[in-house]
């Protein structure tokens, strides 16, 4: 996966996420939405076969969009680790 930052302002971040599809993008979007400092988060894939997901993240208050994104990534990592642990304990 490759991140290409298109716009980086105090409370707004726009980036493309090469190599990701709807599954990962929806998970990331929902994780961002769980952060109270995030006022807007969405993504768009302009073409289903060749388009790259384009993310939009806006924050309010003192938290930057990059910090919100970092928290979301950490949250997804934690959830995936917990899921893997549960999976391995299945009989």
C-alpha atoms as a PDB file:
ATOM      1  CA  UNK A   1       0.000   0.000   0.000  1.00  0.00           C
ATOM      2  CA  UNK A   2       1.244   3.445  -0.856  1.00  0.00           C
ATOM      3  CA  UNK A   3       0.024   6.795   0.502  1.00  0.00           C
ATOM      4  CA  UNK A   4       0.205   9.851  -1.726  1.00  0.00           C
ATOM      5  CA  UNK A   5      -0.665  13.066   0.145  1.00  0.00           C
ATOM      6  CA  UNK A   6      -2.550  15.503  -2.074  1.00  0.00           C
ATOM      7  CA  UNK A   7      -3.408  18.152   0.519  1.00  0.00           C
ATOM      8  CA  UNK A   8      -2.166  18.613   4.072  1.00  0.00           C
ATOM      9  CA  UNK A   9      -3.542  21.549   6.038  1.00  0.00           C
ATOM     10  CA  UNK A  10      -4.059  22.193   9.743  1.00  0.00           C
ATOM     11  CA  UNK A  11      -7.476  20.537   9.861  1.00  0.00           C
ATOM     12  CA  UNK A  12      -7.739  18.843   6.461  1.00  0.00           C
ATOM     13  CA  UNK A  13      -5.918  15.907   4.895  1.00  0.00           C
ATOM     14  CA  UNK A  14      -6.533  14.489   1.416  1.00  0.00           C
ATOM     15  CA  UNK A  15      -4.591  11.444   0.266  1.00  0.00           C
ATOM     16  CA  UNK A  16      -4.688   8.599  -2.210  1.00  0.00           C
ATOM     17  CA  UNK A  17      -4.248   5.069  -0.995  1.00  0.00           C
ATOM     18  CA  UNK A  18      -2.864   2.865  -3.775  1.00  0.00           C
ATOM     19  CA  UNK A  19      -3.352  -0.866  -3.409  1.00  0.00           C
ATOM     20  CA  UNK A  20      -6.445  -0.700  -1.206  1.00  0.00           C
ATOM     21  CA  UNK A  21     -10.046  -1.594  -1.973  1.00  0.00           C
ATOM     22  CA  UNK A  22     -13.412  -0.962  -0.393  1.00  0.00           C
ATOM     23  CA  UNK A  23     -12.855  -3.509   2.382  1.00  0.00           C
ATOM     24  CA  UNK A  24      -9.850  -1.763   3.890  1.00  0.00           C
ATOM     25  CA  UNK A  25     -11.149   1.727   3.105  1.00  0.00           C
ATOM     26  CA  UNK A  26     -14.460   1.093   4.862  1.00  0.00           C
ATOM     27  CA  UNK A  27     -12.667  -0.250   7.932  1.00  0.00           C
ATOM     28  CA  UNK A  28     -10.369   2.785   8.025  1.00  0.00           C
ATOM     29  CA  UNK A  29     -13.274   5.194   7.494  1.00  0.00           C
ATOM     30  CA  UNK A  30     -15.262   3.646  10.351  1.00  0.00           C
ATOM     31  CA  UNK A  31     -12.249   3.726  12.662  1.00  0.00           C
ATOM     32  CA  UNK A  32     -11.743   7.415  11.851  1.00  0.00           C
ATOM     33  CA  UNK A  33     -15.438   8.095  12.516  1.00  0.00           C
ATOM     34  CA  UNK A  34     -15.103   6.699  16.021  1.00  0.00           C
ATOM     35  CA  UNK A  35     -12.756   9.601  16.878  1.00  0.00           C
ATOM     36  CA  UNK A  36     -14.684  12.591  18.288  1.00  0.00           C
ATOM     37  CA  UNK A  37     -12.116  15.004  16.837  1.00  0.00           C
ATOM     38  CA  UNK A  38     -12.900  13.896  13.277  1.00  0.00           C
ATOM     39  CA  UNK A  39     -15.652  16.054  11.800  1.00  0.00           C
ATOM     40  CA  UNK A  40     -15.611  14.506   8.313  1.00  0.00           C
ATOM     41  CA  UNK A  41     -14.166  11.383   6.790  1.00  0.00           C
ATOM     42  CA  UNK A  42     -15.008   9.735   3.529  1.00  0.00           C
ATOM     43  CA  UNK A  43     -13.349   8.245   0.498  1.00  0.00           C
ATOM     44  CA  UNK A  44     -14.062   7.910  -3.184  1.00  0.00           C
ATOM     45  CA  UNK A  45     -12.883   5.478  -5.833  1.00  0.00           C
ATOM     46  CA  UNK A  46     -13.388   7.181  -9.190  1.00  0.00           C
ATOM     47  CA  UNK A  47     -13.277   3.975 -11.256  1.00  0.00           C
ATOM     48  CA  UNK A  48     -13.888   0.476  -9.871  1.00  0.00           C
ATOM     49  CA  UNK A  49     -11.095  -1.152 -11.879  1.00  0.00           C
ATOM     50  CA  UNK A  50      -8.319   1.414 -12.091  1.00  0.00           C
ATOM     51  CA  UNK A  51      -9.219   4.118  -9.580  1.00  0.00           C
ATOM     52  CA  UNK A  52      -7.230   4.731  -6.421  1.00  0.00           C
ATOM     53  CA  UNK A  53      -9.142   5.416  -3.210  1.00  0.00           C
ATOM     54  CA  UNK A  54      -9.029   9.112  -2.370  1.00  0.00           C
ATOM     55  CA  UNK A  55      -9.545   9.854   1.338  1.00  0.00           C
ATOM     56  CA  UNK A  56     -10.763  13.098   2.883  1.00  0.00           C
ATOM     57  CA  UNK A  57     -10.248  13.677   6.615  1.00  0.00           C
ATOM     58  CA  UNK A  58     -11.190  16.860   8.471  1.00  0.00           C
ATOM     59  CA  UNK A  59     -10.782  17.441  12.190  1.00  0.00           C
ATOM     60  CA  UNK A  60     -11.947  19.966  14.745  1.00  0.00           C
ATOM     61  CA  UNK A  61     -10.127  21.236  17.772  1.00  0.00           C
ATOM     62  CA  UNK A  62      -6.407  20.753  18.274  1.00  0.00           C
ATOM     63  CA  UNK A  63      -6.049  17.266  16.794  1.00  0.00           C
ATOM     64  CA  UNK A  64      -4.535  17.180  13.326  1.00  0.00           C
ATOM     65  CA  UNK A  65      -5.867  14.837  10.647  1.00  0.00           C
ATOM     66  CA  UNK A  66      -2.501  13.045  10.596  1.00  0.00           C
ATOM     67  CA  UNK A  67      -2.805  12.337  14.325  1.00  0.00           C
ATOM     68  CA  UNK A  68      -6.379  11.105  13.837  1.00  0.00           C
ATOM     69  CA  UNK A  69      -5.176   8.836  11.023  1.00  0.00           C
ATOM     70  CA  UNK A  70      -2.393   7.507  13.235  1.00  0.00           C
ATOM     71  CA  UNK A  71      -4.932   6.711  15.978  1.00  0.00           C
ATOM     72  CA  UNK A  72      -7.185   4.957  13.466  1.00  0.00           C
ATOM     73  CA  UNK A  73      -4.325   2.821  12.173  1.00  0.00           C
ATOM     74  CA  UNK A  74      -3.379   1.875  15.732  1.00  0.00           C
ATOM     75  CA  UNK A  75      -7.021   1.024  16.465  1.00  0.00           C
ATOM     76  CA  UNK A  76      -7.263  -1.227  13.407  1.00  0.00           C
ATOM     77  CA  UNK A  77      -4.020  -2.931  14.345  1.00  0.00           C
ATOM     78  CA  UNK A  78      -5.324  -3.610  17.866  1.00  0.00           C
ATOM     79  CA  UNK A  79      -8.609  -5.004  16.553  1.00  0.00           C
ATOM     80  CA  UNK A  80      -6.808  -7.241  14.064  1.00  0.00           C
ATOM     81  CA  UNK A  81      -4.481  -8.544  16.781  1.00  0.00           C
ATOM     82  CA  UNK A  82      -7.470  -9.321  19.007  1.00  0.00           C
ATOM     83  CA  UNK A  83      -9.255 -11.058  16.152  1.00  0.00           C
ATOM     84  CA  UNK A  84      -6.184 -13.162  15.366  1.00  0.00           C
ATOM     85  CA  UNK A  85      -5.890 -14.143  19.021  1.00  0.00           C
ATOM     86  CA  UNK A  86      -9.553 -15.223  19.098  1.00  0.00           C
ATOM     87  CA  UNK A  87      -9.125 -17.115  15.833  1.00  0.00           C
ATOM     88  CA  UNK A  88      -6.119 -19.028  17.134  1.00  0.00           C
ATOM     89  CA  UNK A  89      -8.017 -20.007  20.278  1.00  0.00           C
ATOM     90  CA  UNK A  90     -10.891 -21.533  18.272  1.00  0.00           C
ATOM     91  CA  UNK A  91     -11.317 -25.285  18.496  1.00  0.00           C
END
